[in-house]
Amino acid sequence: MDTLIQQIINGLVLGSMYALVALGYTMVYGIINLINFAHGEVLMVGALTSWTIIGLMREGMPGTPGYVILFVALIIACVVAAALNFVIEKVAYRPLRNSPKLAPLITAIGMSILLQTLAMIIWKPNYKPYPTLLPSTPFNIGGAVITPTQVLILGMTAVSLALLMWVVNSTRLGRAMRATAENPRVAALMGVKPDMVISATFLIGAVLAAIAGVMWAANYGTVQHTMGFLPGLKAFTAAVFGGIGNLAGAVVGGILLGLIESIGAGYIGTLTGGVLGSHYSDIFAFIVLIIVLTLRPSGLLGERVADRA
């Protein structure tokens, strides 16, 4: 039972980070039917930017509390990631918006490789330890443990999701996003500016990815220029798992994927004496994806056009 509780906690933490990134995929797809495969690299840029800011603040302002440094680094990482995603949409995707579907897909893959290469040049290819800024003493829950960093991840995810749902469902921007998702031309006739809405969608997705990147780095304690590839791929899997284009589906898919991966890896590792488990945890995500798409191609929650924001 202790193992199960621990793996559930680990799965919720992992799944909440997947959900944040998956929301970026599903919002962009819901608006312009594009899979932004450079989204994982936005996560990576956010994490590496926060690492740089933390280093500068610890050198320039010694004695500053860790949570203050982390908060400032998170804000700056969100700004940098949002600016980056804005430029990506403006330069790489907007000129190809009316092109055949294959052109923006290839461009997205090329942008992903370009960002990885630029990050390798700027931050060097070596793995970098991410400073521990929060207390490391864990809390005990029914025989399992959860660290303050993991509590922060769950709290940040809950707040981010609540704010996003409020924006989509209760603001003018949210209404414009839903209208653009339904029919951009008709929305434009009603006074909505589709280009502005699409840019705002990319900005929101980038902020969520940056939050996930900083939390990922803080949880696992390392950053590197390729760190965004696998989380990005799994978040895309989560978005498809839940129903691409559906906000609730992205959240459900991310959390379920994190739970399946964590519980599967934990129990296989226990049964095999640690020989298997974490090293093979990645296969669970894709096995689940294959099964779900075979039985329900539209994902668990399908694709409801009204929620495609």
Protein backbone atom coordinates (compact mmCIF):
# COMPACT_ATOMS: atom_id res chain seq x y z
CA MET A 1 0.00 0.00 0.00
CA ASP A 2 2.88 2.38 0.78
CA THR A 3 4.27 1.77 -2.69
CA LEU A 4 0.89 2.48 -4.28
CA ILE A 5 0.43 5.76 -2.38
CA GLN A 6 3.96 6.86 -3.24
CA GLN A 7 3.51 6.08 -6.93
CA ILE A 8 0.15 7.87 -6.99
CA ILE A 9 1.83 10.98 -5.56
CA ASN A 10 4.66 10.69 -8.09
CA GLY A 11 2.14 10.13 -10.87
CA LEU A 12 0.07 13.19 -9.93
CA VAL A 13 3.19 15.36 -9.89
CA LEU A 14 4.39 14.00 -13.24
CA GLY A 15 0.91 14.10 -14.76
CA SER A 16 0.31 17.69 -13.70
CA MET A 17 3.43 18.78 -15.61
CA TYR A 18 2.33 16.78 -18.65
CA ALA A 19 -1.09 18.45 -18.42
CA LEU A 20 0.40 21.96 -18.48
CA VAL A 21 2.37 21.22 -21.64
CA ALA A 22 -0.50 19.26 -23.24
CA LEU A 23 -2.76 22.30 -22.86
CA GLY A 24 -0.41 24.25 -25.11
CA TYR A 25 -0.62 21.57 -27.79
CA THR A 26 -4.38 21.27 -27.60
CA MET A 27 -5.09 25.04 -27.60
CA VAL A 28 -3.00 25.62 -30.72
CA TYR A 29 -4.55 22.62 -32.44
CA GLY A 30 -8.02 23.77 -31.46
CA ILE A 31 -7.46 27.20 -33.01
CA ILE A 32 -5.49 26.49 -36.21
CA ASN A 33 -5.32 22.67 -36.45
CA LEU A 34 -1.53 22.70 -36.09
CA ILE A 35 0.64 20.45 -33.94
CA ASN A 36 3.40 22.71 -32.61
CA PHE A 37 6.21 20.20 -32.24
CA ALA A 38 8.53 22.98 -31.04
CA HIS A 39 6.46 23.25 -27.85
CA GLY A 40 8.76 20.94 -25.89
CA GLU A 41 11.68 23.21 -26.74
CA VAL A 42 9.77 26.18 -25.31
CA LEU A 43 9.67 24.21 -22.05
CA MET A 44 13.44 23.69 -22.34
CA VAL A 45 14.13 27.38 -22.98
CA GLY A 46 12.01 28.31 -19.96
CA ALA A 47 13.94 25.91 -17.73
CA LEU A 48 17.38 27.04 -18.97
CA THR A 49 16.41 30.71 -18.68
CA SER A 50 15.35 30.19 -15.07
CA TRP A 51 18.66 28.36 -14.40
CA THR A 52 20.58 31.37 -15.75
CA ILE A 53 18.54 33.88 -13.71
CA ILE A 54 18.96 31.83 -10.54
CA GLY A 55 22.72 31.78 -11.03
CA LEU A 56 22.86 35.55 -11.60
CA MET A 57 20.67 36.31 -8.58
CA ARG A 58 22.62 34.03 -6.25
CA GLU A 59 25.84 35.76 -7.28
CA GLY A 60 24.49 39.32 -7.36
CA MET A 61 22.09 39.17 -4.41
CA PRO A 62 23.42 36.68 -1.88
CA GLY A 63 21.13 36.06 1.05
CA THR A 64 17.94 36.39 -1.00
CA PRO A 65 15.42 33.71 0.09
CA GLY A 66 15.22 30.74 -2.25
CA TYR A 67 11.51 31.07 -2.90
CA VAL A 68 11.98 34.70 -3.99
CA ILE A 69 14.74 33.71 -6.41
CA LEU A 70 12.60 30.89 -7.79
CA PHE A 71 9.59 33.20 -8.22
CA VAL A 72 11.61 35.86 -10.06
CA ALA A 73 13.26 33.21 -12.25
CA LEU A 74 9.82 31.74 -13.05
CA ILE A 75 8.38 35.12 -14.09
CA ILE A 76 11.35 35.91 -16.34
CA ALA A 77 11.26 32.40 -17.83
CA CYS A 78 7.56 32.87 -18.67
CA VAL A 79 8.28 36.22 -20.37
CA VAL A 80 11.16 34.78 -22.42
CA ALA A 81 9.16 31.68 -23.41
CA ALA A 82 6.15 33.81 -24.39
CA ALA A 83 8.33 36.09 -26.53
CA LEU A 84 9.93 33.06 -28.17
CA ASN A 85 6.60 31.41 -28.98
CA PHE A 86 5.26 34.71 -30.33
CA VAL A 87 8.21 34.93 -32.72
CA ILE A 88 7.83 31.28 -33.72
CA GLU A 89 4.18 31.80 -34.61
CA LYS A 90 4.89 35.06 -36.46
CA VAL A 91 7.89 33.82 -38.44
CA ALA A 92 7.45 30.08 -38.89
CA TYR A 93 3.72 29.34 -38.81
CA ARG A 94 1.76 32.42 -39.90
CA PRO A 95 3.18 32.50 -43.48
CA LEU A 96 2.20 28.83 -43.89
CA ARG A 97 -1.28 29.08 -42.40
CA ASN A 98 -3.02 28.43 -45.73
CA SER A 99 -0.43 25.97 -47.00
CA PRO A 100 -0.92 22.19 -47.24
CA LYS A 101 -0.93 20.56 -43.79
CA LEU A 102 2.45 18.90 -44.33
CA ALA A 103 4.33 22.23 -44.70
CA PRO A 104 3.70 23.63 -41.18
CA LEU A 105 4.28 20.16 -39.71
CA ILE A 106 7.75 19.94 -41.28
CA THR A 107 8.40 23.55 -40.24
CA ALA A 108 7.47 22.71 -36.62
CA ILE A 109 9.92 19.79 -36.57
CA GLY A 110 12.62 21.98 -38.11
CA MET A 111 11.96 24.71 -35.53
CA SER A 112 12.32 22.13 -32.76
CA ILE A 113 15.75 21.07 -34.04
CA LEU A 114 16.77 24.70 -34.54
CA LEU A 115 15.86 25.64 -30.96
CA GLN A 116 17.75 22.65 -29.57
CA THR A 117 20.83 23.64 -31.55
CA LEU A 118 20.64 27.29 -30.50
CA ALA A 119 20.21 26.26 -26.85
CA MET A 120 23.23 23.97 -27.15
CA ILE A 121 25.30 26.89 -28.49
CA ILE A 122 24.08 29.36 -25.85
CA TRP A 123 24.06 27.11 -22.77
CA LYS A 124 26.55 24.40 -23.90
CA PRO A 125 25.60 20.71 -24.22
CA ASN A 126 26.60 19.51 -20.77
CA TYR A 127 24.07 18.66 -18.04
CA LYS A 128 23.75 21.41 -15.44
CA PRO A 129 22.64 20.87 -11.83
CA TYR A 130 19.54 22.89 -10.98
CA PRO A 131 19.89 24.58 -7.57
CA THR A 132 17.67 23.44 -4.70
CA LEU A 133 15.88 26.61 -3.59
CA LEU A 134 13.10 25.19 -1.43
CA PRO A 135 13.37 23.14 1.79
CA SER A 136 14.19 19.50 1.11
CA THR A 137 12.55 17.99 4.20
CA PRO A 138 9.70 15.81 2.89
CA PHE A 139 6.20 15.49 4.32
CA ASN A 140 4.90 12.02 5.27
CA ILE A 141 1.50 10.97 3.90
CA GLY A 142 0.33 7.48 4.84
CA GLY A 143 3.83 6.03 4.68
CA ALA A 144 4.70 7.89 1.47
CA VAL A 145 6.65 11.13 1.14
CA ILE A 146 6.14 14.31 -0.83
CA THR A 147 8.67 17.13 -1.04
CA PRO A 148 7.90 20.87 -0.80
CA THR A 149 8.89 21.16 -4.47
CA GLN A 150 6.27 18.56 -5.43
CA VAL A 151 3.66 20.35 -3.32
CA LEU A 152 4.54 23.55 -5.18
CA ILE A 153 4.18 21.75 -8.53
CA LEU A 154 0.70 20.51 -7.64
CA GLY A 155 -0.31 23.94 -6.33
CA MET A 156 1.07 25.81 -9.36
CA THR A 157 -0.69 23.41 -11.70
CA ALA A 158 -4.02 23.81 -9.93
CA VAL A 159 -3.76 27.63 -9.99
CA SER A 160 -2.65 27.67 -13.64
CA LEU A 161 -5.50 25.41 -14.73
CA ALA A 162 -8.05 27.47 -12.78
CA LEU A 163 -6.81 30.71 -14.35
CA LEU A 164 -6.82 29.18 -17.83
CA MET A 165 -10.39 27.91 -17.46
CA TRP A 166 -11.45 31.35 -16.23
CA VAL A 167 -9.80 33.04 -19.22
CA VAL A 168 -11.36 30.64 -21.73
CA ASN A 169 -14.85 30.58 -20.23
CA SER A 170 -15.33 34.02 -18.69
CA THR A 171 -13.37 36.65 -20.63
CA ARG A 172 -13.65 38.41 -23.99
CA LEU A 173 -10.40 36.77 -25.08
CA GLY A 174 -11.83 33.36 -24.23
CA ARG A 175 -14.97 34.04 -26.24
CA ALA A 176 -12.83 35.21 -29.15
CA MET A 177 -10.74 32.04 -28.89
CA ARG A 178 -13.83 29.84 -28.98
CA ALA A 179 -15.27 31.78 -31.89
CA THR A 180 -12.01 31.55 -33.84
CA ALA A 181 -11.85 27.82 -33.17
CA GLU A 182 -15.39 27.43 -34.54
CA ASN A 183 -14.89 29.46 -37.72
CA PRO A 184 -12.15 32.09 -38.14
CA ARG A 185 -13.81 33.81 -41.11
CA VAL A 186 -17.16 34.22 -39.40
CA ALA A 187 -15.41 35.34 -36.22
CA ALA A 188 -13.56 38.01 -38.22
CA LEU A 189 -16.91 39.28 -39.56
CA MET A 190 -18.10 39.66 -35.96
CA GLY A 191 -15.16 41.91 -35.05
CA VAL A 192 -12.75 39.26 -33.76
CA LYS A 193 -9.14 39.57 -34.93
CA PRO A 194 -8.03 35.97 -35.62
CA ASP A 195 -4.32 36.86 -35.85
CA MET A 196 -4.43 38.48 -32.42
CA VAL A 197 -6.32 35.50 -30.97
CA ILE A 198 -3.84 33.02 -32.44
CA SER A 199 -0.88 35.00 -31.07
CA ALA A 200 -2.54 35.15 -27.64
CA THR A 201 -3.04 31.38 -27.76
CA PHE A 202 0.66 30.83 -28.46
CA LEU A 203 1.56 33.22 -25.61
CA ILE A 204 -0.65 31.40 -23.11
CA GLY A 205 0.69 28.02 -24.20
CA ALA A 206 4.26 29.27 -23.81
CA VAL A 207 3.62 30.52 -20.28
CA LEU A 208 2.19 27.13 -19.28
CA ALA A 209 5.17 25.36 -20.89
CA ALA A 210 7.64 27.64 -19.06
CA ILE A 211 5.95 26.92 -15.72
CA ALA A 212 6.16 23.20 -16.46
CA GLY A 213 9.82 23.56 -17.48
CA VAL A 214 10.85 25.34 -14.29
CA MET A 215 8.91 22.86 -12.16
CA TRP A 216 10.41 19.93 -14.09
CA ALA A 217 13.94 21.26 -13.53
CA ALA A 218 13.27 21.94 -9.84
CA ASN A 219 11.83 18.44 -9.36
CA TYR A 220 14.53 16.48 -11.20
CA GLY A 221 17.46 18.78 -10.41
CA THR A 222 19.07 19.04 -13.85
CA VAL A 223 18.72 20.99 -17.11
CA GLN A 224 20.09 20.44 -20.60
CA HIS A 225 19.34 21.48 -24.18
CA THR A 226 17.51 18.24 -25.07
CA MET A 227 15.43 18.10 -21.89
CA GLY A 228 12.24 19.28 -23.59
CA PHE A 229 12.02 16.56 -26.25
CA LEU A 230 10.66 13.65 -24.22
CA PRO A 231 8.30 15.68 -21.97
CA GLY A 232 7.02 17.41 -25.10
CA LEU A 233 6.43 14.10 -26.86
CA LYS A 234 4.66 12.63 -23.84
CA ALA A 235 2.55 15.77 -23.41
CA PHE A 236 1.49 15.44 -27.04
CA THR A 237 0.64 11.83 -26.28
CA ALA A 238 -1.42 13.01 -23.31
CA ALA A 239 -3.27 15.54 -25.49
CA VAL A 240 -4.13 12.82 -28.03
CA PHE A 241 -4.95 10.40 -25.21
CA GLY A 242 -7.49 12.80 -23.71
CA GLY A 243 -8.80 14.11 -27.04
CA ILE A 244 -6.74 16.61 -29.01
CA GLY A 245 -8.45 20.00 -29.16
CA ASN A 246 -10.25 19.48 -25.85
CA LEU A 247 -8.97 21.39 -22.80
CA ALA A 248 -10.43 19.00 -20.24
CA GLY A 249 -9.11 16.10 -22.30
CA ALA A 250 -5.56 17.48 -22.12
CA VAL A 251 -5.75 17.70 -18.32
CA VAL A 252 -7.30 14.24 -17.90
CA GLY A 253 -4.88 12.73 -20.42
CA GLY A 254 -1.84 14.27 -18.73
CA ILE A 255 -2.80 13.17 -15.22
CA LEU A 256 -3.78 9.66 -16.31
CA LEU A 257 -0.59 9.29 -18.32
CA GLY A 258 1.51 10.37 -15.34
CA LEU A 259 -0.30 7.92 -13.05
CA ILE A 260 -0.01 5.02 -15.50
CA GLU A 261 3.66 5.68 -16.12
CA SER A 262 4.53 6.10 -12.45
CA ILE A 263 2.52 3.17 -11.11
CA GLY A 264 3.67 0.89 -13.91
CA ALA A 265 7.33 1.77 -13.43
CA GLY A 266 7.06 1.47 -9.64
CA TYR A 267 5.49 -1.98 -9.62
CA ILE A 268 7.67 -3.41 -12.41
CA GLY A 269 10.72 -2.11 -10.55
CA THR A 270 9.47 -3.77 -7.34
CA LEU A 271 8.74 -7.09 -9.02
CA THR A 272 12.09 -7.23 -10.81
CA GLY A 273 14.19 -6.07 -7.88
CA GLY A 274 14.99 -2.75 -9.51
CA VAL A 275 16.33 -4.28 -12.73
CA LEU A 276 13.43 -2.83 -14.71
CA GLY A 277 11.09 0.01 -13.86
CA SER A 278 12.24 3.57 -14.23
CA HIS A 279 14.47 2.71 -17.19
CA TYR A 280 11.45 1.37 -19.05
CA SER A 281 8.83 3.83 -17.81
CA ASP A 282 8.66 5.56 -21.19
CA ILE A 283 7.06 2.56 -22.88
CA PHE A 284 3.89 2.80 -20.77
CA ALA A 285 2.90 6.14 -22.28
CA PHE A 286 3.06 4.86 -25.82
CA ILE A 287 1.49 1.48 -25.10
CA VAL A 288 -1.49 3.29 -23.59
CA LEU A 289 -1.64 5.64 -26.59
CA ILE A 290 -1.74 2.72 -29.03
CA ILE A 291 -4.49 0.97 -27.06
CA VAL A 292 -6.62 4.12 -26.70
CA LEU A 293 -6.30 5.11 -30.36
CA THR A 294 -7.16 1.57 -31.42
CA LEU A 295 -10.31 1.46 -29.30
CA ARG A 296 -11.26 5.17 -29.40
CA PRO A 297 -9.43 7.16 -32.12
CA SER A 298 -10.85 10.50 -30.95
CA GLY A 299 -9.38 10.10 -27.44
CA LEU A 300 -11.05 9.56 -24.11
CA LEU A 301 -13.15 12.73 -24.17
CA GLY A 302 -13.39 13.04 -27.92
CA GLU A 303 -13.28 16.44 -29.59
CA ARG A 304 -16.04 18.84 -28.67
CA VAL A 305 -15.87 21.84 -30.95
CA ALA A 306 -17.37 24.19 -28.35
CA ASP A 307 -14.41 23.59 -26.04
CA ARG A 308 -11.74 23.89 -28.69
CA ALA A 309 -10.05 26.94 -27.30
